[in-house]
Amino acid sequence: MVRRRRLKKAPPAYQLFVKRFPGLGRAWEQLGDAGAAAGPLDARTQRLIKLALAIGSRQEGAVHSGVRKALAAGATAAELEQVVALAASLIGLPATVAAFCQVREELLKEGAGKP
């Protein structure tokens, strides 16, 4: 049985943004829900793929968020690190090392990684 973690509240900047622009917040949620329901992938697999996309597009905030959400969906630290390793041949070593540091930072914050 996979132990799921409870996802903490969204970051303060996101909360402030959707408070100021509630329509955009609702649209963002609907877009995410529509993508999640579009096929047979389970939540854990979806989160691993979204983390890979965040790494590939070099969106640091999305990498941090992606790690937290993937852990909450049941992904392991080893799975998250493999996603980073898979990126190396496509985005190059410097960008991969940066992503590795971002993932490790979040794993340590969440108590899911070894120091």
PDB file of N, CA and C in Angstrom:
ATOM      1  N   MET A   1       0.843  -1.195   0.000  1.00  0.00           N
ATOM      2  CA  MET A   1       0.000   0.000   0.000  1.00  0.00           C
ATOM      3  C   MET A   1       0.880   1.247   0.000  1.00  0.00           C
ATOM      4  N   VAL A   2       0.575   2.194  -0.859  1.00  0.00           N
ATOM      5  CA  VAL A   2       1.325   3.432  -0.964  1.00  0.00           C
ATOM      6  C   VAL A   2       0.796   4.427   0.058  1.00  0.00           C
ATOM      7  N   ARG A   3       1.708   4.950   0.863  1.00  0.00           N
ATOM      8  CA  ARG A   3       1.313   5.959   1.838  1.00  0.00           C
ATOM      9  C   ARG A   3       1.298   7.317   1.156  1.00  0.00           C
ATOM     10  N   ARG A   4       0.160   7.953   1.176  1.00  0.00           N
ATOM     11  CA  ARG A   4       0.040   9.262   0.542  1.00  0.00           C
ATOM     12  C   ARG A   4       0.262  10.357   1.573  1.00  0.00           C
ATOM     13  N   ARG A   5       0.910  11.388   1.131  1.00  0.00           N
ATOM     14  CA  ARG A   5       1.154  12.537   1.989  1.00  0.00           C
ATOM     15  C   ARG A   5       0.075  13.572   1.735  1.00  0.00           C
ATOM     16  N   ARG A   6      -0.223  14.303   2.742  1.00  0.00           N
ATOM     17  CA  ARG A   6      -1.195  15.384   2.576  1.00  0.00           C
ATOM     18  C   ARG A   6      -0.467  16.601   2.038  1.00  0.00           C
ATOM     19  N   LEU A   7      -1.003  17.168   0.981  1.00  0.00           N
ATOM     20  CA  LEU A   7      -0.402  18.347   0.375  1.00  0.00           C
ATOM     21  C   LEU A   7      -0.718  19.571   1.228  1.00  0.00           C
ATOM     22  N   LYS A   8       0.315  20.361   1.500  1.00  0.00           N
ATOM     23  CA  LYS A   8       0.122  21.589   2.269  1.00  0.00           C
ATOM     24  C   LYS A   8      -0.603  22.622   1.420  1.00  0.00           C
ATOM     25  N   LYS A   9      -0.984  23.710   2.053  1.00  0.00           N
ATOM     26  CA  LYS A   9      -1.646  24.795   1.323  1.00  0.00           C
ATOM     27  C   LYS A   9      -0.740  25.325   0.223  1.00  0.00           C
ATOM     28  N   ALA A  10      -1.376  25.921  -0.764  1.00  0.00           N
ATOM     29  CA  ALA A  10      -0.637  26.539  -1.865  1.00  0.00           C
ATOM     30  C   ALA A  10       0.252  27.661  -1.313  1.00  0.00           C
ATOM     31  N   PRO A  11       1.339  27.968  -2.019  1.00  0.00           N
ATOM     32  CA  PRO A  11       2.226  29.054  -1.576  1.00  0.00           C
ATOM     33  C   PRO A  11       1.471  30.378  -1.463  1.00  0.00           C
ATOM     34  N   PRO A  12       1.913  31.252  -0.567  1.00  0.00           N
ATOM     35  CA  PRO A  12       1.231  32.532  -0.349  1.00  0.00           C
ATOM     36  C   PRO A  12       1.069  33.364  -1.619  1.00  0.00           C
ATOM     37  N   ALA A  13       2.065  33.381  -2.496  1.00  0.00           N
ATOM     38  CA  ALA A  13       1.959  34.191  -3.720  1.00  0.00           C
ATOM     39  C   ALA A  13       0.805  33.689  -4.586  1.00  0.00           C
ATOM     40  N   TYR A  14       0.652  32.369  -4.693  1.00  0.00           N
ATOM     41  CA  TYR A  14      -0.454  31.806  -5.477  1.00  0.00           C
ATOM     42  C   TYR A  14      -1.786  32.173  -4.828  1.00  0.00           C
ATOM     43  N   GLN A  15      -1.875  32.034  -3.518  1.00  0.00           N
ATOM     44  CA  GLN A  15      -3.119  32.369  -2.816  1.00  0.00           C
ATOM     45  C   GLN A  15      -3.499  33.829  -3.036  1.00  0.00           C
ATOM     46  N   LEU A  16      -2.517  34.718  -2.970  1.00  0.00           N
ATOM     47  CA  LEU A  16      -2.767  36.145  -3.184  1.00  0.00           C
ATOM     48  C   LEU A  16      -3.229  36.397  -4.620  1.00  0.00           C
ATOM     49  N   PHE A  17      -2.576  35.724  -5.585  1.00  0.00           N
ATOM     50  CA  PHE A  17      -2.928  35.905  -6.989  1.00  0.00           C
ATOM     51  C   PHE A  17      -4.371  35.479  -7.251  1.00  0.00           C
ATOM     52  N   VAL A  18      -4.766  34.298  -6.773  1.00  0.00           N
ATOM     53  CA  VAL A  18      -6.131  33.833  -7.053  1.00  0.00           C
ATOM     54  C   VAL A  18      -7.171  34.606  -6.244  1.00  0.00           C
ATOM     55  N   LYS A  19      -6.758  35.197  -5.140  1.00  0.00           N
ATOM     56  CA  LYS A  19      -7.684  36.067  -4.416  1.00  0.00           C
ATOM     57  C   LYS A  19      -7.941  37.331  -5.235  1.00  0.00           C
ATOM     58  N   ARG A  20      -6.891  37.838  -5.858  1.00  0.00           N
ATOM     59  CA  ARG A  20      -7.013  39.048  -6.677  1.00  0.00           C
ATOM     60  C   ARG A  20      -7.705  38.755  -8.014  1.00  0.00           C
ATOM     61  N   PHE A  21      -7.437  37.562  -8.587  1.00  0.00           N
ATOM     62  CA  PHE A  21      -7.992  37.165  -9.882  1.00  0.00           C
ATOM     63  C   PHE A  21      -8.694  35.819  -9.765  1.00  0.00           C
ATOM     64  N   PRO A  22      -9.844  35.766  -9.095  1.00  0.00           N
ATOM     65  CA  PRO A  22     -10.503  34.478  -8.840  1.00  0.00           C
ATOM     66  C   PRO A  22     -10.926  33.742 -10.113  1.00  0.00           C
ATOM     67  N   GLY A  23     -11.284  34.459 -11.157  1.00  0.00           N
ATOM     68  CA  GLY A  23     -11.661  33.805 -12.406  1.00  0.00           C
ATOM     69  C   GLY A  23     -10.491  33.040 -13.015  1.00  0.00           C
ATOM     70  N   LEU A  24      -9.309  33.636 -12.953  1.00  0.00           N
ATOM     71  CA  LEU A  24      -8.125  32.948 -13.458  1.00  0.00           C
ATOM     72  C   LEU A  24      -7.803  31.721 -12.598  1.00  0.00           C
ATOM     73  N   GLY A  25      -7.989  31.843 -11.298  1.00  0.00           N
ATOM     74  CA  GLY A  25      -7.770  30.696 -10.407  1.00  0.00           C
ATOM     75  C   GLY A  25      -8.701  29.545 -10.746  1.00  0.00           C
ATOM     76  N   ARG A  26      -9.980  29.860 -10.975  1.00  0.00           N
ATOM     77  CA  ARG A  26     -10.953  28.814 -11.337  1.00  0.00           C
ATOM     78  C   ARG A  26     -10.608  28.195 -12.693  1.00  0.00           C
ATOM     79  N   ALA A  27     -10.220  29.029 -13.642  1.00  0.00           N
ATOM     80  CA  ALA A  27      -9.862  28.528 -14.976  1.00  0.00           C
ATOM     81  C   ALA A  27      -8.643  27.620 -14.895  1.00  0.00           C
ATOM     82  N   TRP A  28      -7.686  27.995 -14.079  1.00  0.00           N
ATOM     83  CA  TRP A  28      -6.475  27.183 -13.898  1.00  0.00           C
ATOM     84  C   TRP A  28      -6.836  25.813 -13.332  1.00  0.00           C
ATOM     85  N   GLU A  29      -7.692  25.809 -12.329  1.00  0.00           N
ATOM     86  CA  GLU A  29      -8.129  24.538 -11.725  1.00  0.00           C
ATOM     87  C   GLU A  29      -8.880  23.678 -12.744  1.00  0.00           C
ATOM     88  N   GLN A  30      -9.752  24.299 -13.536  1.00  0.00           N
ATOM     89  CA  GLN A  30     -10.511  23.559 -14.547  1.00  0.00           C
ATOM     90  C   GLN A  30      -9.589  22.971 -15.605  1.00  0.00           C
ATOM     91  N   LEU A  31      -8.580  23.720 -16.014  1.00  0.00           N
ATOM     92  CA  LEU A  31      -7.624  23.236 -16.998  1.00  0.00           C
ATOM     93  C   LEU A  31      -6.878  22.014 -16.458  1.00  0.00           C
ATOM     94  N   GLY A  32      -6.437  22.080 -15.221  1.00  0.00           N
ATOM     95  CA  GLY A  32      -5.759  20.942 -14.600  1.00  0.00           C
ATOM     96  C   GLY A  32      -6.659  19.729 -14.479  1.00  0.00           C
ATOM     97  N   ASP A  33      -7.900  19.959 -14.068  1.00  0.00           N
ATOM     98  CA  ASP A  33      -8.857  18.859 -13.939  1.00  0.00           C
ATOM     99  C   ASP A  33      -9.148  18.209 -15.285  1.00  0.00           C
ATOM    100  N   ALA A  34      -9.283  19.025 -16.331  1.00  0.00           N
ATOM    101  CA  ALA A  34      -9.578  18.490 -17.662  1.00  0.00           C
ATOM    102  C   ALA A  34      -8.418  17.646 -18.171  1.00  0.00           C
ATOM    103  N   GLY A  35      -7.196  18.088 -17.961  1.00  0.00           N
ATOM    104  CA  GLY A  35      -6.035  17.314 -18.381  1.00  0.00           C
ATOM    105  C   GLY A  35      -5.925  16.006 -17.617  1.00  0.00           C
ATOM    106  N   ALA A  36      -6.208  16.042 -16.324  1.00  0.00           N
ATOM    107  CA  ALA A  36      -6.124  14.837 -15.495  1.00  0.00           C
ATOM    108  C   ALA A  36      -7.158  13.800 -15.904  1.00  0.00           C
ATOM    109  N   ALA A  37      -8.311  14.255 -16.359  1.00  0.00           N
ATOM    110  CA  ALA A  37      -9.397  13.343 -16.725  1.00  0.00           C
ATOM    111  C   ALA A  37      -9.328  12.891 -18.179  1.00  0.00           C
ATOM    112  N   ALA A  38      -8.340  13.370 -18.923  1.00  0.00           N
ATOM    113  CA  ALA A  38      -8.296  13.131 -20.365  1.00  0.00           C
ATOM    114  C   ALA A  38      -7.810  11.749 -20.772  1.00  0.00           C
ATOM    115  N   GLY A  39      -7.368  10.937 -19.826  1.00  0.00           N
ATOM    116  CA  GLY A  39      -6.833   9.631 -20.215  1.00  0.00           C
ATOM    117  C   GLY A  39      -6.696   8.688 -19.042  1.00  0.00           C
ATOM    118  N   PRO A  40      -6.025   7.569 -19.273  1.00  0.00           N
ATOM    119  CA  PRO A  40      -5.988   6.499 -18.278  1.00  0.00           C
ATOM    120  C   PRO A  40      -4.888   6.597 -17.221  1.00  0.00           C
ATOM    121  N   LEU A  41      -4.012   7.591 -17.281  1.00  0.00           N
ATOM    122  CA  LEU A  41      -2.897   7.656 -16.338  1.00  0.00           C
ATOM    123  C   LEU A  41      -3.382   7.934 -14.926  1.00  0.00           C
ATOM    124  N   ASP A  42      -2.793   7.213 -13.966  1.00  0.00           N
ATOM    125  CA  ASP A  42      -3.157   7.453 -12.570  1.00  0.00           C
ATOM    126  C   ASP A  42      -2.482   8.730 -12.076  1.00  0.00           C
ATOM    127  N   ALA A  43      -2.917   9.206 -10.913  1.00  0.00           N
ATOM    128  CA  ALA A  43      -2.451  10.492 -10.382  1.00  0.00           C
ATOM    129  C   ALA A  43      -0.942  10.517 -10.168  1.00  0.00           C
ATOM    130  N   ARG A  44      -0.356   9.427  -9.679  1.00  0.00           N
ATOM    131  CA  ARG A  44       1.085   9.376  -9.438  1.00  0.00           C
ATOM    132  C   ARG A  44       1.850   9.525 -10.751  1.00  0.00           C
ATOM    133  N   THR A  45       1.429   8.786 -11.768  1.00  0.00           N
ATOM    134  CA  THR A  45       2.092   8.861 -13.073  1.00  0.00           C
ATOM    135  C   THR A  45       1.937  10.248 -13.675  1.00  0.00           C
ATOM    136  N   GLN A  46       0.757  10.826 -13.554  1.00  0.00           N
ATOM    137  CA  GLN A  46       0.544  12.191 -14.058  1.00  0.00           C
ATOM    138  C   GLN A  46       1.510  13.161 -13.399  1.00  0.00           C
ATOM    139  N   ARG A  47       1.685  13.035 -12.102  1.00  0.00           N
ATOM    140  CA  ARG A  47       2.567  13.955 -11.372  1.00  0.00           C
ATOM    141  C   ARG A  47       4.028  13.770 -11.762  1.00  0.00           C
ATOM    142  N   LEU A  48       4.448  12.533 -12.022  1.00  0.00           N
ATOM    143  CA  LEU A  48       5.821  12.294 -12.470  1.00  0.00           C
ATOM    144  C   LEU A  48       6.045  12.919 -13.848  1.00  0.00           C
ATOM    145  N   ILE A  49       5.066  12.793 -14.725  1.00  0.00           N
ATOM    146  CA  ILE A  49       5.181  13.386 -16.058  1.00  0.00           C
ATOM    147  C   ILE A  49       5.206  14.906 -15.953  1.00  0.00           C
ATOM    148  N   LYS A  50       4.361  15.470 -15.116  1.00  0.00           N
ATOM    149  CA  LYS A  50       4.342  16.928 -14.970  1.00  0.00           C
ATOM    150  C   LYS A  50       5.661  17.439 -14.385  1.00  0.00           C
ATOM    151  N   LEU A  51       6.259  16.658 -13.482  1.00  0.00           N
ATOM    152  CA  LEU A  51       7.579  17.033 -12.962  1.00  0.00           C
ATOM    153  C   LEU A  51       8.597  17.025 -14.095  1.00  0.00           C
ATOM    154  N   ALA A  52       8.554  16.009 -14.944  1.00  0.00           N
ATOM    155  CA  ALA A  52       9.477  15.944 -16.081  1.00  0.00           C
ATOM    156  C   ALA A  52       9.303  17.154 -16.993  1.00  0.00           C
ATOM    157  N   LEU A  53       8.071  17.544 -17.232  1.00  0.00           N
ATOM    158  CA  LEU A  53       7.812  18.722 -18.071  1.00  0.00           C
ATOM    159  C   LEU A  53       8.356  19.992 -17.418  1.00  0.00           C
ATOM    160  N   ALA A  54       8.201  20.112 -16.113  1.00  0.00           N
ATOM    161  CA  ALA A  54       8.721  21.277 -15.395  1.00  0.00           C
ATOM    162  C   ALA A  54      10.240  21.322 -15.491  1.00  0.00           C
ATOM    163  N   ILE A  55      10.879  20.158 -15.348  1.00  0.00           N
ATOM    164  CA  ILE A  55      12.333  20.092 -15.461  1.00  0.00           C
ATOM    165  C   ILE A  55      12.754  20.474 -16.878  1.00  0.00           C
ATOM    166  N   GLY A  56      12.102  19.892 -17.875  1.00  0.00           N
ATOM    167  CA  GLY A  56      12.455  20.157 -19.265  1.00  0.00           C
ATOM    168  C   GLY A  56      12.256  21.598 -19.681  1.00  0.00           C
ATOM    169  N   SER A  57      11.256  22.240 -19.120  1.00  0.00           N
ATOM    170  CA  SER A  57      11.006  23.646 -19.463  1.00  0.00           C
ATOM    171  C   SER A  57      11.726  24.595 -18.509  1.00  0.00           C
ATOM    172  N   ARG A  58      12.481  24.018 -17.590  1.00  0.00           N
ATOM    173  CA  ARG A  58      13.329  24.769 -16.645  1.00  0.00           C
ATOM    174  C   ARG A  58      12.548  25.804 -15.849  1.00  0.00           C
ATOM    175  N   GLN A  59      11.404  25.373 -15.365  1.00  0.00           N
ATOM    176  CA  GLN A  59      10.572  26.229 -14.524  1.00  0.00           C
ATOM    177  C   GLN A  59      10.791  25.829 -13.068  1.00  0.00           C
ATOM    178  N   GLU A  60      11.696  26.510 -12.415  1.00  0.00           N
ATOM    179  CA  GLU A  60      12.118  26.133 -11.069  1.00  0.00           C
ATOM    180  C   GLU A  60      10.959  26.038 -10.080  1.00  0.00           C
ATOM    181  N   GLY A  61      10.076  27.014 -10.083  1.00  0.00           N
ATOM    182  CA  GLY A  61       8.938  26.970  -9.166  1.00  0.00           C
ATOM    183  C   GLY A  61       8.073  25.747  -9.412  1.00  0.00           C
ATOM    184  N   ALA A  62       7.882  25.408 -10.683  1.00  0.00           N
ATOM    185  CA  ALA A  62       7.078  24.235 -11.023  1.00  0.00           C
ATOM    186  C   ALA A  62       7.780  22.945 -10.628  1.00  0.00           C
ATOM    187  N   VAL A  63       9.111  22.934 -10.650  1.00  0.00           N
ATOM    188  CA  VAL A  63       9.849  21.750 -10.192  1.00  0.00           C
ATOM    189  C   VAL A  63       9.595  21.549  -8.700  1.00  0.00           C
ATOM    190  N   HIS A  64       9.745  22.602  -7.922  1.00  0.00           N
ATOM    191  CA  HIS A  64       9.509  22.497  -6.474  1.00  0.00           C
ATOM    192  C   HIS A  64       8.076  22.039  -6.197  1.00  0.00           C
ATOM    193  N   SER A  65       7.120  22.680  -6.836  1.00  0.00           N
ATOM    194  CA  SER A  65       5.719  22.305  -6.669  1.00  0.00           C
ATOM    195  C   SER A  65       5.476  20.873  -7.143  1.00  0.00           C
ATOM    196  N   GLY A  66       6.103  20.522  -8.275  1.00  0.00           N
ATOM    197  CA  GLY A  66       5.935  19.181  -8.824  1.00  0.00           C
ATOM    198  C   GLY A  66       6.412  18.093  -7.882  1.00  0.00           C
ATOM    199  N   VAL A  67       7.503  18.353  -7.190  1.00  0.00           N
ATOM    200  CA  VAL A  67       8.007  17.378  -6.208  1.00  0.00           C
ATOM    201  C   VAL A  67       6.994  17.196  -5.089  1.00  0.00           C
ATOM    202  N   ARG A  68       6.507  18.297  -4.540  1.00  0.00           N
ATOM    203  CA  ARG A  68       5.538  18.205  -3.441  1.00  0.00           C
ATOM    204  C   ARG A  68       4.277  17.459  -3.880  1.00  0.00           C
ATOM    205  N   LYS A  69       3.783  17.784  -5.061  1.00  0.00           N
ATOM    206  CA  LYS A  69       2.553  17.147  -5.538  1.00  0.00           C
ATOM    207  C   LYS A  69       2.769  15.683  -5.887  1.00  0.00           C
ATOM    208  N   ALA A  70       3.925  15.343  -6.445  1.00  0.00           N
ATOM    209  CA  ALA A  70       4.220  13.944  -6.760  1.00  0.00           C
ATOM    210  C   ALA A  70       4.325  13.115  -5.477  1.00  0.00           C
ATOM    211  N   LEU A  71       4.977  13.662  -4.460  1.00  0.00           N
ATOM    212  CA  LEU A  71       5.055  12.958  -3.171  1.00  0.00           C
ATOM    213  C   LEU A  71       3.660  12.745  -2.594  1.00  0.00           C
ATOM    214  N   ALA A  72       2.828  13.777  -2.674  1.00  0.00           N
ATOM    215  CA  ALA A  72       1.460  13.672  -2.156  1.00  0.00           C
ATOM    216  C   ALA A  72       0.663  12.613  -2.913  1.00  0.00           C
ATOM    217  N   ALA A  73       1.007  12.393  -4.192  1.00  0.00           N
ATOM    218  CA  ALA A  73       0.309  11.394  -5.006  1.00  0.00           C
ATOM    219  C   ALA A  73       0.898  10.000  -4.838  1.00  0.00           C
ATOM    220  N   GLY A  74       1.934   9.871  -3.993  1.00  0.00           N
ATOM    221  CA  GLY A  74       2.482   8.550  -3.705  1.00  0.00           C
ATOM    222  C   GLY A  74       3.808   8.221  -4.357  1.00  0.00           C
ATOM    223  N   ALA A  75       4.412   9.158  -5.071  1.00  0.00           N
ATOM    224  CA  ALA A  75       5.709   8.906  -5.697  1.00  0.00           C
ATOM    225  C   ALA A  75       6.794   8.824  -4.630  1.00  0.00           C
ATOM    226  N   THR A  76       7.842   8.088  -4.934  1.00  0.00           N
ATOM    227  CA  THR A  76       8.967   7.947  -4.008  1.00  0.00           C
ATOM    228  C   THR A  76      10.102   8.876  -4.408  1.00  0.00           C
ATOM    229  N   ALA A  77      11.020   9.094  -3.474  1.00  0.00           N
ATOM    230  CA  ALA A  77      12.197   9.910  -3.762  1.00  0.00           C
ATOM    231  C   ALA A  77      12.991   9.290  -4.910  1.00  0.00           C
ATOM    232  N   ALA A  78      13.119   7.983  -4.938  1.00  0.00           N
ATOM    233  CA  ALA A  78      13.862   7.308  -6.007  1.00  0.00           C
ATOM    234  C   ALA A  78      13.215   7.547  -7.367  1.00  0.00           C
ATOM    235  N   GLU A  79      11.900   7.539  -7.422  1.00  0.00           N
ATOM    236  CA  GLU A  79      11.200   7.807  -8.683  1.00  0.00           C
ATOM    237  C   GLU A  79      11.444   9.237  -9.153  1.00  0.00           C
ATOM    238  N   LEU A  80      11.401  10.187  -8.221  1.00  0.00           N
ATOM    239  CA  LEU A  80      11.620  11.589  -8.568  1.00  0.00           C
ATOM    240  C   LEU A  80      13.045  11.790  -9.077  1.00  0.00           C
ATOM    241  N   GLU A  81      13.999  11.140  -8.435  1.00  0.00           N
ATOM    242  CA  GLU A  81      15.383  11.264  -8.861  1.00  0.00           C
ATOM    243  C   GLU A  81      15.596  10.613 -10.232  1.00  0.00           C
ATOM    244  N   GLN A  82      14.887   9.528 -10.525  1.00  0.00           N
ATOM    245  CA  GLN A  82      15.012   8.920 -11.845  1.00  0.00           C
ATOM    246  C   GLN A  82      14.471   9.855 -12.924  1.00  0.00           C
ATOM    247  N   VAL A  83      13.388  10.564 -12.626  1.00  0.00           N
ATOM    248  CA  VAL A  83      12.864  11.549 -13.582  1.00  0.00           C
ATOM    249  C   VAL A  83      13.955  12.562 -13.912  1.00  0.00           C
ATOM    250  N   VAL A  84      14.691  13.011 -12.901  1.00  0.00           N
ATOM    251  CA  VAL A  84      15.786  13.954 -13.131  1.00  0.00           C
ATOM    252  C   VAL A  84      16.856  13.305 -14.008  1.00  0.00           C
ATOM    253  N   ALA A  85      17.239  12.084 -13.690  1.00  0.00           N
ATOM    254  CA  ALA A  85      18.281  11.397 -14.458  1.00  0.00           C
ATOM    255  C   ALA A  85      17.876  11.231 -15.922  1.00  0.00           C
ATOM    256  N   LEU A  86      16.612  10.961 -16.172  1.00  0.00           N
ATOM    257  CA  LEU A  86      16.136  10.794 -17.545  1.00  0.00           C
ATOM    258  C   LEU A  86      16.257  12.091 -18.347  1.00  0.00           C
ATOM    259  N   ALA A  87      16.228  13.209 -17.673  1.00  0.00           N
ATOM    260  CA  ALA A  87      16.300  14.505 -18.355  1.00  0.00           C
ATOM    261  C   ALA A  87      17.691  14.809 -18.889  1.00  0.00           C
ATOM    262  N   ALA A  88      18.718  14.187 -18.338  1.00  0.00           N
ATOM    263  CA  ALA A  88      20.105  14.558 -18.663  1.00  0.00           C
ATOM    264  C   ALA A  88      20.414  14.523 -20.148  1.00  0.00           C
ATOM    265  N   SER A  89      19.967  13.494 -20.845  1.00  0.00           N
ATOM    266  CA  SER A  89      20.322  13.377 -22.262  1.00  0.00           C
ATOM    267  C   SER A  89      19.580  14.383 -23.136  1.00  0.00           C
ATOM    268  N   LEU A  90      18.561  15.004 -22.604  1.00  0.00           N
ATOM    269  CA  LEU A  90      17.781  15.961 -23.383  1.00  0.00           C
ATOM    270  C   LEU A  90      18.093  17.413 -23.051  1.00  0.00           C
ATOM    271  N   ILE A  91      18.344  17.698 -21.783  1.00  0.00           N
ATOM    272  CA  ILE A  91      18.538  19.109 -21.402  1.00  0.00           C
ATOM    273  C   ILE A  91      19.979  19.433 -21.033  1.00  0.00           C
ATOM    274  N   GLY A  92      20.864  18.431 -21.003  1.00  0.00           N
ATOM    275  CA  GLY A  92      22.266  18.661 -20.688  1.00  0.00           C
ATOM    276  C   GLY A  92      22.560  18.551 -19.205  1.00  0.00           C
ATOM    277  N   LEU A  93      23.826  18.351 -18.911  1.00  0.00           N
ATOM    278  CA  LEU A  93      24.230  18.108 -17.530  1.00  0.00           C
ATOM    279  C   LEU A  93      24.040  19.311 -16.607  1.00  0.00           C
ATOM    280  N   PRO A  94      24.442  20.528 -16.998  1.00  0.00           N
ATOM    281  CA  PRO A  94      24.255  21.658 -16.071  1.00  0.00           C
ATOM    282  C   PRO A  94      22.792  21.864 -15.661  1.00  0.00           C
ATOM    283  N   ALA A  95      21.871  21.795 -16.621  1.00  0.00           N
ATOM    284  CA  ALA A  95      20.456  21.970 -16.295  1.00  0.00           C
ATOM    285  C   ALA A  95      19.942  20.803 -15.461  1.00  0.00           C
ATOM    286  N   THR A  96      20.469  19.616 -15.717  1.00  0.00           N
ATOM    287  CA  THR A  96      20.047  18.448 -14.945  1.00  0.00           C
ATOM    288  C   THR A  96      20.529  18.541 -13.504  1.00  0.00           C
ATOM    289  N   VAL A  97      21.758  18.998 -13.318  1.00  0.00           N
ATOM    290  CA  VAL A  97      22.282  19.176 -11.959  1.00  0.00           C
ATOM    291  C   VAL A  97      21.456  20.229 -11.221  1.00  0.00           C
ATOM    292  N   ALA A  98      21.082  21.293 -11.902  1.00  0.00           N
ATOM    293  CA  ALA A  98      20.238  22.321 -11.275  1.00  0.00           C
ATOM    294  C   ALA A  98      18.905  21.718 -10.855  1.00  0.00           C
ATOM    295  N   ALA A  99      18.291  20.927 -11.734  1.00  0.00           N
ATOM    296  CA  ALA A  99      17.016  20.282 -11.397  1.00  0.00           C
ATOM    297  C   ALA A  99      17.193  19.306 -10.249  1.00  0.00           C
ATOM    298  N   PHE A 100      18.296  18.580 -10.244  1.00  0.00           N
ATOM    299  CA  PHE A 100      18.575  17.638  -9.159  1.00  0.00           C
ATOM    300  C   PHE A 100      18.629  18.379  -7.827  1.00  0.00           C
ATOM    301  N   CYS A 101      19.296  19.531  -7.812  1.00  0.00           N
ATOM    302  CA  CYS A 101      19.383  20.323  -6.580  1.00  0.00           C
ATOM    303  C   CYS A 101      18.000  20.808  -6.141  1.00  0.00           C
ATOM    304  N   GLN A 102      17.181  21.219  -7.087  1.00  0.00           N
ATOM    305  CA  GLN A 102      15.826  21.683  -6.761  1.00  0.00           C
ATOM    306  C   GLN A 102      14.998  20.538  -6.186  1.00  0.00           C
ATOM    307  N   VAL A 103      15.094  19.370  -6.793  1.00  0.00           N
ATOM    308  CA  VAL A 103      14.339  18.207  -6.315  1.00  0.00           C
ATOM    309  C   VAL A 103      14.839  17.802  -4.940  1.00  0.00           C
ATOM    310  N   ARG A 104      16.158  17.717  -4.757  1.00  0.00           N
ATOM    311  CA  ARG A 104      16.725  17.324  -3.459  1.00  0.00           C
ATOM    312  C   ARG A 104      16.319  18.319  -2.367  1.00  0.00           C
ATOM    313  N   GLU A 105      16.336  19.604  -2.685  1.00  0.00           N
ATOM    314  CA  GLU A 105      15.948  20.625  -1.708  1.00  0.00           C
ATOM    315  C   GLU A 105      14.521  20.369  -1.217  1.00  0.00           C
ATOM    316  N   GLU A 106      13.644  20.088  -2.146  1.00  0.00           N
ATOM    317  CA  GLU A 106      12.246  19.862  -1.780  1.00  0.00           C
ATOM    318  C   GLU A 106      12.088  18.551  -1.028  1.00  0.00           C
ATOM    319  N   LEU A 107      12.811  17.515  -1.440  1.00  0.00           N
ATOM    320  CA  LEU A 107      12.752  16.230  -0.734  1.00  0.00           C
ATOM    321  C   LEU A 107      13.198  16.394   0.719  1.00  0.00           C
ATOM    322  N   LEU A 108      14.248  17.146   0.920  1.00  0.00           N
ATOM    323  CA  LEU A 108      14.732  17.366   2.287  1.00  0.00           C
ATOM    324  C   LEU A 108      13.714  18.146   3.116  1.00  0.00           C
ATOM    325  N   LYS A 109      13.092  19.161   2.515  1.00  0.00           N
ATOM    326  CA  LYS A 109      12.056  19.930   3.222  1.00  0.00           C
ATOM    327  C   LYS A 109      10.888  19.035   3.624  1.00  0.00           C
ATOM    328  N   GLU A 110      10.560  18.102   2.741  1.00  0.00           N
ATOM    329  CA  GLU A 110       9.402  17.215   2.972  1.00  0.00           C
ATOM    330  C   GLU A 110       9.786  16.001   3.824  1.00  0.00           C
ATOM    331  N   GLY A 111      11.059  15.892   4.188  1.00  0.00           N
ATOM    332  CA  GLY A 111      11.504  14.767   5.003  1.00  0.00           C
ATOM    333  C   GLY A 111      11.534  13.453   4.238  1.00  0.00           C
ATOM    334  N   ALA A 112      11.654  13.534   2.903  1.00  0.00           N
ATOM    335  CA  ALA A 112      11.629  12.330   2.079  1.00  0.00           C
ATOM    336  C   ALA A 112      12.981  12.002   1.488  1.00  0.00           C
ATOM    337  N   GLY A 113      13.985  12.795   1.782  1.00  0.00           N
ATOM    338  CA  GLY A 113      15.301  12.569   1.194  1.00  0.00           C
ATOM    339  C   GLY A 113      16.364  12.400   2.238  1.00  0.00           C
ATOM    340  N   LYS A 114      17.456  11.788   1.828  1.00  0.00           N
ATOM    341  CA  LYS A 114      18.619  11.646   2.712  1.00  0.00           C
ATOM    342  C   LYS A 114      19.493  12.868   2.554  1.00  0.00           C
ATOM    343  N   PRO A 115      20.024  13.385   3.670  1.00  0.00           N
ATOM    344  CA  PRO A 115      20.902  14.561   3.567  1.00  0.00           C
ATOM    345  C   PRO A 115      22.165  14.259   2.773  1.00  0.00           C
TER     346      PRO A 115
END
